[in-house]
Amino acid sequence: MADDENALHEKPLEFFASIVNTGGDCDGQAILPENGHFRAWCTCGNWSVKVDDSDEGLRLARIHTGSAPH
């Protein structure tokens, strides 16, 4: 893979646009500011939560993907 094709070099919107059509897989999660809070969501389309801080969003995203215990 050429350096310019590496997903790590994509802009966030390009990255999510490229994986959003994967069809139900938990390929990417995001925690984005939203009206004084944060919205955490997953590309699977089955998980989206409103949280007070990004750390809580990250914790819940890890639980959602099974990479952290409940």
PDB file of N, CA and C in Angstrom:
ATOM      1  N   MET A   1       0.841  -1.179   0.000  1.00  0.00           N
ATOM      2  CA  MET A   1       0.000   0.000   0.000  1.00  0.00           C
ATOM      3  C   MET A   1       0.886   1.241   0.000  1.00  0.00           C
ATOM      4  N   ALA A   2       0.613   2.149  -0.872  1.00  0.00           N
ATOM      5  CA  ALA A   2       1.375   3.396  -0.944  1.00  0.00           C
ATOM      6  C   ALA A   2       1.057   4.258   0.269  1.00  0.00           C
ATOM      7  N   ASP A   3       2.013   5.122   0.655  1.00  0.00           N
ATOM      8  CA  ASP A   3       1.810   5.983   1.814  1.00  0.00           C
ATOM      9  C   ASP A   3       0.552   6.824   1.706  1.00  0.00           C
ATOM     10  N   ASP A   4       0.229   7.299   0.510  1.00  0.00           N
ATOM     11  CA  ASP A   4      -0.935   8.168   0.361  1.00  0.00           C
ATOM     12  C   ASP A   4      -2.244   7.383   0.404  1.00  0.00           C
ATOM     13  N   GLU A   5      -2.172   6.036   0.435  1.00  0.00           N
ATOM     14  CA  GLU A   5      -3.368   5.213   0.531  1.00  0.00           C
ATOM     15  C   GLU A   5      -3.616   4.726   1.952  1.00  0.00           C
ATOM     16  N   ASN A   6      -2.760   5.048   2.892  1.00  0.00           N
ATOM     17  CA  ASN A   6      -2.885   4.613   4.263  1.00  0.00           C
ATOM     18  C   ASN A   6      -4.032   5.349   4.945  1.00  0.00           C
ATOM     19  N   ALA A   7      -4.948   4.593   5.595  1.00  0.00           N
ATOM     20  CA  ALA A   7      -6.099   5.194   6.268  1.00  0.00           C
ATOM     21  C   ALA A   7      -5.689   6.138   7.393  1.00  0.00           C
ATOM     22  N   LEU A   8      -4.498   5.932   7.956  1.00  0.00           N
ATOM     23  CA  LEU A   8      -4.045   6.807   9.034  1.00  0.00           C
ATOM     24  C   LEU A   8      -3.732   8.210   8.543  1.00  0.00           C
ATOM     25  N   HIS A   9      -3.539   8.377   7.235  1.00  0.00           N
ATOM     26  CA  HIS A   9      -3.241   9.684   6.674  1.00  0.00           C
ATOM     27  C   HIS A   9      -4.485  10.387   6.145  1.00  0.00           C
ATOM     28  N   GLU A  10      -5.637   9.747   6.228  1.00  0.00           N
ATOM     29  CA  GLU A  10      -6.867  10.365   5.748  1.00  0.00           C
ATOM     30  C   GLU A  10      -7.378  11.382   6.764  1.00  0.00           C
ATOM     31  N   LYS A  11      -8.099  12.344   6.286  1.00  0.00           N
ATOM     32  CA  LYS A  11      -8.785  13.270   7.167  1.00  0.00           C
ATOM     33  C   LYS A  11      -9.938  12.515   7.811  1.00  0.00           C
ATOM     34  N   PRO A  12     -10.367  12.904   9.025  1.00  0.00           N
ATOM     35  CA  PRO A  12     -11.435  12.160   9.701  1.00  0.00           C
ATOM     36  C   PRO A  12     -12.687  11.938   8.854  1.00  0.00           C
ATOM     37  N   LEU A  13     -13.148  12.939   8.151  1.00  0.00           N
ATOM     38  CA  LEU A  13     -14.355  12.759   7.343  1.00  0.00           C
ATOM     39  C   LEU A  13     -14.122  11.780   6.200  1.00  0.00           C
ATOM     40  N   GLU A  14     -12.936  11.803   5.613  1.00  0.00           N
ATOM     41  CA  GLU A  14     -12.618  10.846   4.553  1.00  0.00           C
ATOM     42  C   GLU A  14     -12.581   9.426   5.102  1.00  0.00           C
ATOM     43  N   PHE A  15     -11.997   9.275   6.281  1.00  0.00           N
ATOM     44  CA  PHE A  15     -11.916   7.966   6.907  1.00  0.00           C
ATOM     45  C   PHE A  15     -13.304   7.399   7.163  1.00  0.00           C
ATOM     46  N   PHE A  16     -14.165   8.192   7.804  1.00  0.00           N
ATOM     47  CA  PHE A  16     -15.505   7.695   8.112  1.00  0.00           C
ATOM     48  C   PHE A  16     -16.334   7.488   6.861  1.00  0.00           C
ATOM     49  N   ALA A  17     -16.164   8.327   5.883  1.00  0.00           N
ATOM     50  CA  ALA A  17     -16.889   8.133   4.622  1.00  0.00           C
ATOM     51  C   ALA A  17     -16.478   6.826   3.957  1.00  0.00           C
ATOM     52  N   SER A  18     -15.216   6.450   4.093  1.00  0.00           N
ATOM     53  CA  SER A  18     -14.742   5.224   3.451  1.00  0.00           C
ATOM     54  C   SER A  18     -15.211   3.966   4.168  1.00  0.00           C
ATOM     55  N   ILE A  19     -15.516   4.057   5.483  1.00  0.00           N
ATOM     56  CA  ILE A  19     -15.930   2.864   6.205  1.00  0.00           C
ATOM     57  C   ILE A  19     -17.415   2.824   6.521  1.00  0.00           C
ATOM     58  N   VAL A  20     -18.114   3.918   6.303  1.00  0.00           N
ATOM     59  CA  VAL A  20     -19.527   3.952   6.657  1.00  0.00           C
ATOM     60  C   VAL A  20     -20.350   2.977   5.813  1.00  0.00           C
ATOM     61  N   ASN A  21     -19.880   2.612   4.660  1.00  0.00           N
ATOM     62  CA  ASN A  21     -20.610   1.707   3.785  1.00  0.00           C
ATOM     63  C   ASN A  21     -20.194   0.250   3.950  1.00  0.00           C
ATOM     64  N   THR A  22     -19.585  -0.105   5.075  1.00  0.00           N
ATOM     65  CA  THR A  22     -19.122  -1.472   5.274  1.00  0.00           C
ATOM     66  C   THR A  22     -20.244  -2.407   5.684  1.00  0.00           C
ATOM     67  N   GLY A  23     -21.396  -1.882   6.059  1.00  0.00           N
ATOM     68  CA  GLY A  23     -22.542  -2.718   6.333  1.00  0.00           C
ATOM     69  C   GLY A  23     -22.591  -3.372   7.696  1.00  0.00           C
ATOM     70  N   GLY A  24     -22.722  -2.577   8.734  1.00  0.00           N
ATOM     71  CA  GLY A  24     -22.953  -3.123  10.054  1.00  0.00           C
ATOM     72  C   GLY A  24     -21.732  -3.472  10.871  1.00  0.00           C
ATOM     73  N   ASP A  25     -20.556  -3.248  10.347  1.00  0.00           N
ATOM     74  CA  ASP A  25     -19.346  -3.547  11.101  1.00  0.00           C
ATOM     75  C   ASP A  25     -18.966  -2.381  12.009  1.00  0.00           C
ATOM     76  N   CYS A  26     -18.345  -2.701  13.126  1.00  0.00           N
ATOM     77  CA  CYS A  26     -17.870  -1.674  14.061  1.00  0.00           C
ATOM     78  C   CYS A  26     -16.443  -1.283  13.693  1.00  0.00           C
ATOM     79  N   ASP A  27     -16.272  -0.763  12.493  1.00  0.00           N
ATOM     80  CA  ASP A  27     -14.946  -0.413  11.991  1.00  0.00           C
ATOM     81  C   ASP A  27     -14.424   0.908  12.538  1.00  0.00           C
ATOM     82  N   GLY A  28     -15.300   1.788  12.965  1.00  0.00           N
ATOM     83  CA  GLY A  28     -14.847   3.085  13.451  1.00  0.00           C
ATOM     84  C   GLY A  28     -15.842   3.693  14.410  1.00  0.00           C
ATOM     85  N   GLN A  29     -15.321   4.356  15.422  1.00  0.00           N
ATOM     86  CA  GLN A  29     -16.148   5.065  16.384  1.00  0.00           C
ATOM     87  C   GLN A  29     -15.666   6.502  16.446  1.00  0.00           C
ATOM     88  N   ALA A  30     -16.575   7.388  16.810  1.00  0.00           N
ATOM     89  CA  ALA A  30     -16.216   8.804  16.928  1.00  0.00           C
ATOM     90  C   ALA A  30     -16.850   9.382  18.173  1.00  0.00           C
ATOM     91  N   ILE A  31     -16.144  10.319  18.779  1.00  0.00           N
ATOM     92  CA  ILE A  31     -16.679  11.095  19.891  1.00  0.00           C
ATOM     93  C   ILE A  31     -16.505  12.553  19.481  1.00  0.00           C
ATOM     94  N   LEU A  32     -17.624  13.200  19.170  1.00  0.00           N
ATOM     95  CA  LEU A  32     -17.582  14.556  18.619  1.00  0.00           C
ATOM     96  C   LEU A  32     -18.347  15.537  19.499  1.00  0.00           C
ATOM     97  N   PRO A  33     -17.858  16.784  19.626  1.00  0.00           N
ATOM     98  CA  PRO A  33     -18.578  17.791  20.400  1.00  0.00           C
ATOM     99  C   PRO A  33     -19.942  18.078  19.782  1.00  0.00           C
ATOM    100  N   GLU A  34     -20.937  18.278  20.666  1.00  0.00           N
ATOM    101  CA  GLU A  34     -22.290  18.562  20.189  1.00  0.00           C
ATOM    102  C   GLU A  34     -23.026  19.381  21.242  1.00  0.00           C
ATOM    103  N   ASN A  35     -23.194  20.652  21.006  1.00  0.00           N
ATOM    104  CA  ASN A  35     -23.990  21.526  21.878  1.00  0.00           C
ATOM    105  C   ASN A  35     -23.600  21.448  23.344  1.00  0.00           C
ATOM    106  N   GLY A  36     -22.313  21.556  23.647  1.00  0.00           N
ATOM    107  CA  GLY A  36     -21.844  21.540  25.031  1.00  0.00           C
ATOM    108  C   GLY A  36     -21.664  20.149  25.613  1.00  0.00           C
ATOM    109  N   HIS A  37     -22.009  19.129  24.872  1.00  0.00           N
ATOM    110  CA  HIS A  37     -21.817  17.737  25.284  1.00  0.00           C
ATOM    111  C   HIS A  37     -21.025  17.046  24.184  1.00  0.00           C
ATOM    112  N   PHE A  38     -21.058  15.745  24.159  1.00  0.00           N
ATOM    113  CA  PHE A  38     -20.407  14.971  23.112  1.00  0.00           C
ATOM    114  C   PHE A  38     -21.365  13.908  22.605  1.00  0.00           C
ATOM    115  N   ARG A  39     -21.250  13.566  21.338  1.00  0.00           N
ATOM    116  CA  ARG A  39     -22.004  12.475  20.732  1.00  0.00           C
ATOM    117  C   ARG A  39     -20.993  11.404  20.365  1.00  0.00           C
ATOM    118  N   ALA A  40     -21.167  10.225  20.926  1.00  0.00           N
ATOM    119  CA  ALA A  40     -20.324   9.074  20.599  1.00  0.00           C
ATOM    120  C   ALA A  40     -21.148   8.144  19.720  1.00  0.00           C
ATOM    121  N   TRP A  41     -20.557   7.699  18.617  1.00  0.00           N
ATOM    122  CA  TRP A  41     -21.297   6.831  17.700  1.00  0.00           C
ATOM    123  C   TRP A  41     -20.362   5.867  16.991  1.00  0.00           C
ATOM    124  N   CYS A  42     -20.969   4.888  16.353  1.00  0.00           N
ATOM    125  CA  CYS A  42     -20.207   3.844  15.677  1.00  0.00           C
ATOM    126  C   CYS A  42     -20.698   3.696  14.247  1.00  0.00           C
ATOM    127  N   THR A  43     -19.813   3.295  13.370  1.00  0.00           N
ATOM    128  CA  THR A  43     -20.181   3.116  11.966  1.00  0.00           C
ATOM    129  C   THR A  43     -21.109   1.932  11.739  1.00  0.00           C
ATOM    130  N   CYS A  44     -21.317   1.098  12.759  1.00  0.00           N
ATOM    131  CA  CYS A  44     -22.251  -0.011  12.601  1.00  0.00           C
ATOM    132  C   CYS A  44     -23.682   0.492  12.457  1.00  0.00           C
ATOM    133  N   GLY A  45     -23.927   1.727  12.921  1.00  0.00           N
ATOM    134  CA  GLY A  45     -25.256   2.305  12.835  1.00  0.00           C
ATOM    135  C   GLY A  45     -26.189   1.882  13.953  1.00  0.00           C
ATOM    136  N   ASN A  46     -25.714   1.048  14.865  1.00  0.00           N
ATOM    137  CA  ASN A  46     -26.553   0.546  15.951  1.00  0.00           C
ATOM    138  C   ASN A  46     -26.216   1.141  17.305  1.00  0.00           C
ATOM    139  N   TRP A  47     -25.312   2.111  17.348  1.00  0.00           N
ATOM    140  CA  TRP A  47     -24.887   2.657  18.638  1.00  0.00           C
ATOM    141  C   TRP A  47     -24.592   4.144  18.500  1.00  0.00           C
ATOM    142  N   SER A  48     -25.253   4.935  19.329  1.00  0.00           N
ATOM    143  CA  SER A  48     -25.026   6.371  19.398  1.00  0.00           C
ATOM    144  C   SER A  48     -25.506   6.836  20.767  1.00  0.00           C
ATOM    145  N   VAL A  49     -24.651   7.544  21.497  1.00  0.00           N
ATOM    146  CA  VAL A  49     -25.019   8.025  22.826  1.00  0.00           C
ATOM    147  C   VAL A  49     -24.545   9.463  23.008  1.00  0.00           C
ATOM    148  N   LYS A  50     -25.247  10.185  23.861  1.00  0.00           N
ATOM    149  CA  LYS A  50     -24.863  11.531  24.249  1.00  0.00           C
ATOM    150  C   LYS A  50     -24.170  11.428  25.608  1.00  0.00           C
ATOM    151  N   VAL A  51     -22.973  12.016  25.724  1.00  0.00           N
ATOM    152  CA  VAL A  51     -22.201  11.949  26.965  1.00  0.00           C
ATOM    153  C   VAL A  51     -21.716  13.340  27.342  1.00  0.00           C
ATOM    154  N   ASP A  52     -21.319  13.479  28.609  1.00  0.00           N
ATOM    155  CA  ASP A  52     -20.866  14.775  29.099  1.00  0.00           C
ATOM    156  C   ASP A  52     -19.413  15.085  28.768  1.00  0.00           C
ATOM    157  N   ASP A  53     -18.596  14.051  28.594  1.00  0.00           N
ATOM    158  CA  ASP A  53     -17.191  14.304  28.257  1.00  0.00           C
ATOM    159  C   ASP A  53     -16.660  13.215  27.331  1.00  0.00           C
ATOM    160  N   SER A  54     -15.568  13.528  26.660  1.00  0.00           N
ATOM    161  CA  SER A  54     -15.017  12.612  25.662  1.00  0.00           C
ATOM    162  C   SER A  54     -14.472  11.337  26.293  1.00  0.00           C
ATOM    163  N   ASP A  55     -13.974  11.409  27.530  1.00  0.00           N
ATOM    164  CA  ASP A  55     -13.475  10.207  28.192  1.00  0.00           C
ATOM    165  C   ASP A  55     -14.590   9.185  28.398  1.00  0.00           C
ATOM    166  N   GLU A  56     -15.766   9.658  28.780  1.00  0.00           N
ATOM    167  CA  GLU A  56     -16.902   8.753  28.940  1.00  0.00           C
ATOM    168  C   GLU A  56     -17.314   8.172  27.585  1.00  0.00           C
ATOM    169  N   GLY A  57     -17.273   8.969  26.545  1.00  0.00           N
ATOM    170  CA  GLY A  57     -17.564   8.470  25.209  1.00  0.00           C
ATOM    171  C   GLY A  57     -16.593   7.391  24.786  1.00  0.00           C
ATOM    172  N   LEU A  58     -15.319   7.590  25.063  1.00  0.00           N
ATOM    173  CA  LEU A  58     -14.299   6.600  24.726  1.00  0.00           C
ATOM    174  C   LEU A  58     -14.510   5.317  25.523  1.00  0.00           C
ATOM    175  N   ARG A  59     -14.830   5.450  26.799  1.00  0.00           N
ATOM    176  CA  ARG A  59     -15.074   4.275  27.643  1.00  0.00           C
ATOM    177  C   ARG A  59     -16.247   3.463  27.096  1.00  0.00           C
ATOM    178  N   LEU A  60     -17.332   4.144  26.753  1.00  0.00           N
ATOM    179  CA  LEU A  60     -18.506   3.457  26.225  1.00  0.00           C
ATOM    180  C   LEU A  60     -18.254   2.861  24.841  1.00  0.00           C
ATOM    181  N   ALA A  61     -17.451   3.540  24.030  1.00  0.00           N
ATOM    182  CA  ALA A  61     -17.105   2.999  22.714  1.00  0.00           C
ATOM    183  C   ALA A  61     -16.313   1.708  22.862  1.00  0.00           C
ATOM    184  N   ARG A  62     -15.413   1.668  23.826  1.00  0.00           N
ATOM    185  CA  ARG A  62     -14.633   0.444  24.060  1.00  0.00           C
ATOM    186  C   ARG A  62     -15.529  -0.701  24.522  1.00  0.00           C
ATOM    187  N   ILE A  63     -16.500  -0.393  25.358  1.00  0.00           N
ATOM    188  CA  ILE A  63     -17.459  -1.420  25.778  1.00  0.00           C
ATOM    189  C   ILE A  63     -18.275  -1.883  24.583  1.00  0.00           C
ATOM    190  N   HIS A  64     -18.730  -0.941  23.769  1.00  0.00           N
ATOM    191  CA  HIS A  64     -19.526  -1.277  22.580  1.00  0.00           C
ATOM    192  C   HIS A  64     -18.802  -2.241  21.654  1.00  0.00           C
ATOM    193  N   THR A  65     -17.514  -2.034  21.459  1.00  0.00           N
ATOM    194  CA  THR A  65     -16.754  -2.884  20.531  1.00  0.00           C
ATOM    195  C   THR A  65     -16.221  -4.145  21.187  1.00  0.00           C
ATOM    196  N   GLY A  66     -16.386  -4.260  22.495  1.00  0.00           N
ATOM    197  CA  GLY A  66     -15.905  -5.439  23.199  1.00  0.00           C
ATOM    198  C   GLY A  66     -14.436  -5.391  23.542  1.00  0.00           C
ATOM    199  N   SER A  67     -13.818  -4.215  23.419  1.00  0.00           N
ATOM    200  CA  SER A  67     -12.406  -4.100  23.735  1.00  0.00           C
ATOM    201  C   SER A  67     -12.175  -3.710  25.187  1.00  0.00           C
ATOM    202  N   ALA A  68     -13.252  -3.572  25.962  1.00  0.00           N
ATOM    203  CA  ALA A  68     -13.148  -3.276  27.400  1.00  0.00           C
ATOM    204  C   ALA A  68     -14.301  -3.971  28.103  1.00  0.00           C
ATOM    205  N   PRO A  69     -14.082  -4.366  29.356  1.00  0.00           N
ATOM    206  CA  PRO A  69     -15.170  -5.011  30.107  1.00  0.00           C
ATOM    207  C   PRO A  69     -16.281  -4.021  30.439  1.00  0.00           C
ATOM    208  N   HIS A  70     -17.457  -4.529  30.649  1.00  0.00           N
ATOM    209  CA  HIS A  70     -18.606  -3.685  31.040  1.00  0.00           C
ATOM    210  C   HIS A  70     -18.339  -3.188  32.412  1.00  0.00           C
TER     211      HIS A  70
END
